[in-house]
Amino acid sequence: MKVSHIEHLGIAVKSLDEAIPYWENVLGLKCYAIEEVAEQKVKTAFFKLGQTKIELLEPTSEDSTIAKFIETRGIGVHHVALACENIEEQLADAEAHGVRLIDKTPRNGAEGLSIAFLHPKSTQGILTELCEDKNK
């Protein structure tokens, strides 16, 4: 696999309204975008920290993966997203190396990225998201 940098860190929160003030008022970061990704049943808020983004994830439905994550693990880091090119090739390479894929083909994510998740049972316990900006 070839990845270029950490695209973002995904953090599960119960409420963007409650979480955003910490990131803005305490840490001094600026929320530059809020977006709902209906197919993933999540509302996101983004902050820039150097080249890396912080993505806050609020569930919009009780049956969303983020709601289930919060129910079992509580709020906190949900996933690490890595930027790549040719996401389909990276998925094939990961699978060839025995990595279990949650997404065999990329899907649409926030900010217009193509995304795919690798299962934490084969990534040292870390839910890993691959991201490709096809608009570049």
Protein backbone atom coordinates (compact mmCIF):
# COMPACT_ATOMS: atom_id res chain seq x y z
CA MET A 1 0.00 0.00 0.00
CA LYS A 2 1.01 3.59 -0.54
CA VAL A 3 -0.38 6.34 1.67
CA SER A 4 0.85 9.92 1.73
CA HIS A 5 -0.30 11.40 5.05
CA ILE A 6 -2.92 11.35 7.77
CA GLU A 7 -5.95 12.88 6.06
CA HIS A 8 -7.94 13.17 9.27
CA LEU A 9 -8.68 11.71 12.67
CA GLY A 10 -12.34 10.78 13.16
CA ILE A 11 -13.69 11.43 16.64
CA ALA A 12 -17.11 10.19 17.74
CA VAL A 13 -19.13 12.73 19.73
CA LYS A 14 -22.68 12.75 21.05
CA SER A 15 -23.33 16.32 19.97
CA LEU A 16 -21.49 18.70 17.64
CA ASP A 17 -23.06 21.62 19.51
CA GLU A 18 -21.44 20.40 22.73
CA ALA A 19 -18.11 19.34 21.19
CA ILE A 20 -17.29 22.25 18.85
CA PRO A 21 -16.78 24.83 21.65
CA TYR A 22 -13.94 22.74 23.12
CA TRP A 23 -12.10 22.62 19.80
CA GLU A 24 -12.69 26.31 19.09
CA ASN A 25 -12.61 28.01 22.49
CA VAL A 26 -10.08 25.84 24.31
CA LEU A 27 -7.80 24.63 21.51
CA GLY A 28 -8.21 27.69 19.29
CA LEU A 29 -9.11 25.78 16.12
CA LYS A 30 -11.78 27.00 13.69
CA CYS A 31 -14.59 24.77 12.46
CA TYR A 32 -14.53 25.36 8.72
CA ALA A 33 -17.28 22.97 7.58
CA ILE A 34 -20.30 21.11 8.91
CA GLU A 35 -21.81 18.48 6.64
CA GLU A 36 -24.37 15.71 6.92
CA VAL A 37 -23.57 12.44 5.19
CA ALA A 38 -27.05 10.91 5.05
CA GLU A 39 -26.01 7.49 3.75
CA GLN A 40 -23.69 7.08 6.75
CA LYS A 41 -26.23 8.55 9.22
CA VAL A 42 -23.71 11.05 10.51
CA LYS A 43 -23.17 14.79 10.77
CA THR A 44 -19.56 15.96 10.60
CA ALA A 45 -17.61 19.04 11.66
CA PHE A 46 -14.09 19.67 10.35
CA PHE A 47 -11.09 21.49 11.81
CA LYS A 48 -7.63 21.96 10.25
CA LEU A 49 -4.51 21.30 12.30
CA GLY A 50 -1.50 21.69 10.02
CA GLN A 51 -1.97 19.33 7.08
CA THR A 52 -4.23 17.06 9.13
CA LYS A 53 -7.93 17.51 9.75
CA ILE A 54 -9.98 16.60 12.79
CA GLU A 55 -13.43 15.23 11.91
CA LEU A 56 -16.05 15.21 14.64
CA LEU A 57 -18.77 12.64 13.98
CA GLU A 58 -22.25 13.00 15.47
CA PRO A 59 -24.76 10.19 14.85
CA THR A 60 -28.00 11.26 13.19
CA SER A 61 -29.74 7.95 13.90
CA GLU A 62 -29.70 5.47 16.78
CA ASP A 63 -28.75 2.69 14.33
CA SER A 64 -25.72 4.48 12.84
CA THR A 65 -22.27 2.97 13.27
CA ILE A 66 -21.22 6.06 15.24
CA ALA A 67 -24.15 5.69 17.66
CA LYS A 68 -23.24 2.02 18.17
CA PHE A 69 -19.59 2.94 18.69
CA ILE A 70 -20.50 5.52 21.36
CA GLU A 71 -22.85 3.05 23.05
CA THR A 72 -20.14 0.40 23.39
CA ARG A 73 -16.94 2.44 23.67
CA GLY A 74 -18.01 5.96 24.55
CA ILE A 75 -16.97 9.18 22.85
CA GLY A 76 -13.43 9.41 21.51
CA VAL A 77 -11.19 8.49 18.61
CA HIS A 78 -13.15 6.40 16.11
CA HIS A 79 -10.77 6.04 13.16
CA VAL A 80 -7.57 7.15 11.46
CA ALA A 81 -7.98 8.23 7.84
CA LEU A 82 -5.02 7.95 5.49
CA ALA A 83 -4.76 9.80 2.19
CA CYS A 84 -3.90 7.78 -0.89
CA GLU A 85 -4.11 7.79 -4.65
CA ASN A 86 -5.72 5.01 -6.68
CA ILE A 87 -7.87 3.85 -3.77
CA GLU A 88 -9.08 0.80 -5.69
CA GLU A 89 -5.46 -0.38 -6.11
CA GLN A 90 -4.75 0.27 -2.42
CA LEU A 91 -7.76 -1.84 -1.43
CA ALA A 92 -6.62 -4.68 -3.69
CA ASP A 93 -3.11 -4.46 -2.23
CA ALA A 94 -4.43 -4.48 1.34
CA GLU A 95 -6.61 -7.51 0.60
CA ALA A 96 -3.65 -9.28 -1.06
CA HIS A 97 -1.76 -8.77 2.22
CA GLY A 98 -4.56 -10.46 4.17
CA VAL A 99 -6.30 -7.30 5.40
CA ARG A 100 -10.04 -7.72 5.87
CA LEU A 101 -11.96 -5.02 4.00
CA ILE A 102 -15.13 -3.45 5.33
CA ASP A 103 -15.58 -1.76 1.94
CA LYS A 104 -14.48 -3.78 -1.09
CA THR A 105 -15.21 -0.77 -3.28
CA PRO A 106 -14.96 2.92 -2.36
CA ARG A 107 -18.02 4.91 -1.37
CA ASN A 108 -18.75 8.61 -1.05
CA GLY A 109 -17.61 10.33 2.11
CA ALA A 110 -17.63 13.84 3.56
CA GLU A 111 -15.90 16.62 1.64
CA GLY A 112 -16.41 14.72 -1.64
CA LEU A 113 -13.75 12.12 -0.86
CA SER A 114 -13.85 8.51 -2.02
CA ILE A 115 -13.47 6.40 1.11
CA ALA A 116 -13.13 2.79 2.17
CA PHE A 117 -12.60 1.22 5.58
CA LEU A 118 -10.24 -1.56 6.62
CA HIS A 119 -11.43 -3.84 9.44
CA PRO A 120 -9.74 -3.22 12.79
CA LYS A 121 -9.36 -6.96 13.40
CA SER A 122 -6.68 -6.97 10.70
CA THR A 123 -5.18 -3.49 11.28
CA GLN A 124 -3.80 -3.82 14.80
CA GLY A 125 -7.14 -2.83 16.36
CA ILE A 126 -7.36 0.54 14.58
CA LEU A 127 -10.30 1.25 12.30
CA THR A 128 -8.50 2.60 9.24
CA GLU A 129 -10.09 4.66 6.50
CA LEU A 130 -8.49 5.17 3.11
CA CYS A 131 -9.36 8.47 1.41
CA GLU A 132 -8.82 9.67 -2.12
CA ASP A 133 -9.59 13.12 -3.40
CA LYS A 134 -10.57 12.34 -6.99
CA ASN A 135 -10.93 16.08 -7.70
CA LYS A 136 -7.16 16.63 -7.48
